Amino acid sequence: MTENTENTDAVVRAAGCVLWRHAPGGDGLEICLVHRPKYDDWSHPKGKLKRAEDALAGALREVEEETGQRCAPGPRLPTARYFANGRAKTVSYWAAKATGGRFAPTAEVDRIAWLDPAAARDRLTQPRDRELIDDFLATLRHA
């Protein structure tokens, strides 16, 4: 009998950000969402962490890979815990202010959208991502 060395019970670790910027013209703010053609969904930029990668470093890396934006991390936001493809997944999130960059479409993310918080909330596919916008806005109010 051979032993299965793959641990299918391991939690998938991921990280991402609620990426934001001041709206052009200075009236309010906008949140960046990414469209993933593989799933045809809209979400916050996020992705799996590399082995032994710090969650914040992974979140910033994923934001830049998916949106082309560099960013300055802000407050920690609630961690999302859910099942994806039959495996437990934990996603650590931060608020992050965009500091510059340029989007280039890839096979993983073909579009981004900068939207006011209400429009971003409506566009998001998953309810847990909508709740994250509420948490983000509450964090800004208390900052």
Protein backbone atom coordinates (compact mmCIF):
# COMPACT_ATOMS: atom_id res chain seq x y z
CA MET A 1 0.00 0.00 0.00
CA THR A 2 1.37 3.43 -0.92
CA GLU A 3 0.89 6.39 1.33
CA ASN A 4 -0.76 9.52 -0.04
CA THR A 5 1.55 12.38 0.90
CA GLU A 6 -0.75 15.10 -0.45
CA ASN A 7 -2.63 16.78 2.38
CA THR A 8 -6.04 17.53 0.94
CA ASP A 9 -7.22 18.74 4.35
CA ALA A 10 -4.74 21.64 4.43
CA VAL A 11 -6.26 25.09 4.47
CA VAL A 12 -5.54 27.12 1.34
CA ARG A 13 -3.95 30.40 2.45
CA ALA A 14 -4.58 33.52 0.38
CA ALA A 15 -4.46 37.28 0.81
CA GLY A 16 -5.75 40.39 -0.90
CA CYS A 17 -6.80 43.99 -0.53
CA VAL A 18 -9.71 46.31 -0.86
CA LEU A 19 -7.81 48.59 -3.23
CA TRP A 20 -9.01 52.18 -3.24
CA ARG A 21 -8.16 55.64 -4.51
CA HIS A 22 -9.59 59.13 -4.28
CA ALA A 23 -12.11 59.61 -7.07
CA PRO A 24 -10.99 61.81 -9.95
CA GLY A 25 -12.05 65.34 -9.08
CA GLY A 26 -11.60 64.59 -5.38
CA ASP A 27 -15.24 63.77 -4.63
CA GLY A 28 -15.31 60.55 -2.63
CA LEU A 29 -13.41 57.38 -3.30
CA GLU A 30 -13.36 54.48 -5.72
CA ILE A 31 -12.72 50.78 -5.15
CA CYS A 32 -10.94 48.60 -7.70
CA LEU A 33 -12.54 45.29 -8.62
CA VAL A 34 -11.07 42.60 -10.86
CA HIS A 35 -12.88 40.43 -13.39
CA ARG A 36 -11.67 36.84 -13.65
CA PRO A 37 -12.73 35.33 -16.98
CA LYS A 38 -12.18 31.75 -15.73
CA TYR A 39 -15.03 32.21 -13.24
CA ASP A 40 -16.75 35.17 -14.94
CA ASP A 41 -16.88 36.93 -11.59
CA TRP A 42 -15.97 40.27 -10.02
CA SER A 43 -13.95 40.29 -6.81
CA HIS A 44 -11.30 42.13 -4.84
CA PRO A 45 -7.73 41.43 -5.96
CA LYS A 46 -6.47 38.41 -4.06
CA GLY A 47 -4.59 35.18 -4.54
CA LYS A 48 -2.88 32.20 -3.00
CA LEU A 49 0.18 32.78 -0.91
CA LYS A 50 3.51 31.28 -1.91
CA ARG A 51 5.09 28.82 0.50
CA ALA A 52 6.12 30.63 3.71
CA GLU A 53 5.07 34.01 2.24
CA ASP A 54 3.93 36.65 4.70
CA ALA A 55 0.21 37.39 4.20
CA LEU A 56 0.65 41.16 3.79
CA ALA A 57 3.52 40.73 1.33
CA GLY A 58 1.36 38.26 -0.62
CA ALA A 59 -1.59 40.64 -0.62
CA LEU A 60 0.53 43.47 -2.05
CA ARG A 61 2.07 41.14 -4.63
CA GLU A 62 -1.34 39.90 -5.75
CA VAL A 63 -2.71 43.45 -6.05
CA GLU A 64 0.16 44.45 -8.30
CA GLU A 65 -0.03 41.24 -10.37
CA GLU A 66 -3.78 41.50 -10.90
CA THR A 67 -4.30 45.27 -11.23
CA GLY A 68 -0.88 46.70 -12.14
CA GLN A 69 -1.22 49.02 -9.14
CA ARG A 70 1.33 49.55 -6.43
CA CYS A 71 -0.31 50.38 -3.13
CA ALA A 72 0.23 51.48 0.44
CA PRO A 73 -1.28 49.06 2.95
CA GLY A 74 -3.66 50.41 5.53
CA PRO A 75 -5.75 48.80 8.26
CA ARG A 76 -6.24 45.06 8.48
CA LEU A 77 -9.75 43.96 7.50
CA PRO A 78 -11.65 40.83 8.57
CA THR A 79 -10.38 37.48 7.34
CA ALA A 80 -12.69 35.53 5.03
CA ARG A 81 -13.09 31.82 5.66
CA TYR A 82 -14.97 29.62 3.22
CA PHE A 83 -14.79 26.47 1.13
CA ALA A 84 -13.65 26.54 -2.50
CA ASN A 85 -13.45 23.42 -4.63
CA GLY A 86 -14.06 21.30 -1.53
CA ARG A 87 -11.16 22.79 0.44
CA ALA A 88 -11.11 25.24 3.32
CA LYS A 89 -9.75 28.64 2.29
CA THR A 90 -8.63 31.54 4.47
CA VAL A 91 -8.13 34.96 2.88
CA SER A 92 -6.45 37.74 4.87
CA TYR A 93 -7.40 41.24 3.73
CA TRP A 94 -6.13 44.78 4.14
CA ALA A 95 -7.34 48.16 2.98
CA ALA A 96 -4.76 49.52 0.53
CA LYS A 97 -4.52 52.89 -1.17
CA ALA A 98 -3.42 52.80 -4.81
CA THR A 99 -0.19 54.75 -5.35
CA GLY A 100 0.23 54.30 -9.11
CA GLY A 101 0.61 51.83 -11.90
CA ARG A 102 -1.00 50.67 -15.11
CA PHE A 103 -3.35 47.76 -15.75
CA ALA A 104 -2.51 45.20 -18.43
CA PRO A 105 -5.05 42.41 -19.12
CA THR A 106 -3.93 38.81 -18.53
CA ALA A 107 -5.55 35.39 -18.79
CA GLU A 108 -6.24 35.54 -15.04
CA VAL A 109 -7.69 39.10 -14.90
CA ASP A 110 -9.00 40.56 -18.13
CA ARG A 111 -10.64 43.73 -16.76
CA ILE A 112 -10.64 46.00 -13.75
CA ALA A 113 -13.25 48.55 -12.71
CA TRP A 114 -12.87 51.58 -10.45
CA LEU A 115 -16.28 52.14 -8.88
CA ASP A 116 -17.80 54.15 -6.07
CA PRO A 117 -18.48 51.94 -3.03
CA ALA A 118 -22.20 51.45 -3.76
CA ALA A 119 -21.57 50.46 -7.39
CA ALA A 120 -18.68 48.21 -6.34
CA ARG A 121 -20.92 46.51 -3.79
CA ASP A 122 -23.53 45.87 -6.51
CA ARG A 123 -20.94 44.55 -8.99
CA LEU A 124 -19.29 42.03 -6.65
CA THR A 125 -20.28 38.42 -7.25
CA GLN A 126 -19.88 37.01 -3.72
CA PRO A 127 -21.83 38.30 -0.69
CA ARG A 128 -18.70 37.94 1.49
CA ASP A 129 -16.94 40.45 -0.78
CA ARG A 130 -19.82 42.90 -0.36
CA GLU A 131 -19.50 42.61 3.42
CA LEU A 132 -15.81 43.42 3.07
CA ILE A 133 -16.70 46.79 1.51
CA ASP A 134 -18.90 47.53 4.53
CA ASP A 135 -16.00 46.64 6.85
CA PHE A 136 -13.62 48.78 4.78
CA LEU A 137 -15.93 51.82 4.94
CA ALA A 138 -16.41 51.39 8.68
CA THR A 139 -12.63 51.24 9.13
CA LEU A 140 -12.21 54.50 7.19
CA ARG A 141 -14.85 56.23 9.32
CA HIS A 142 -12.98 55.29 12.48
CA ALA A 143 -9.53 56.22 11.18
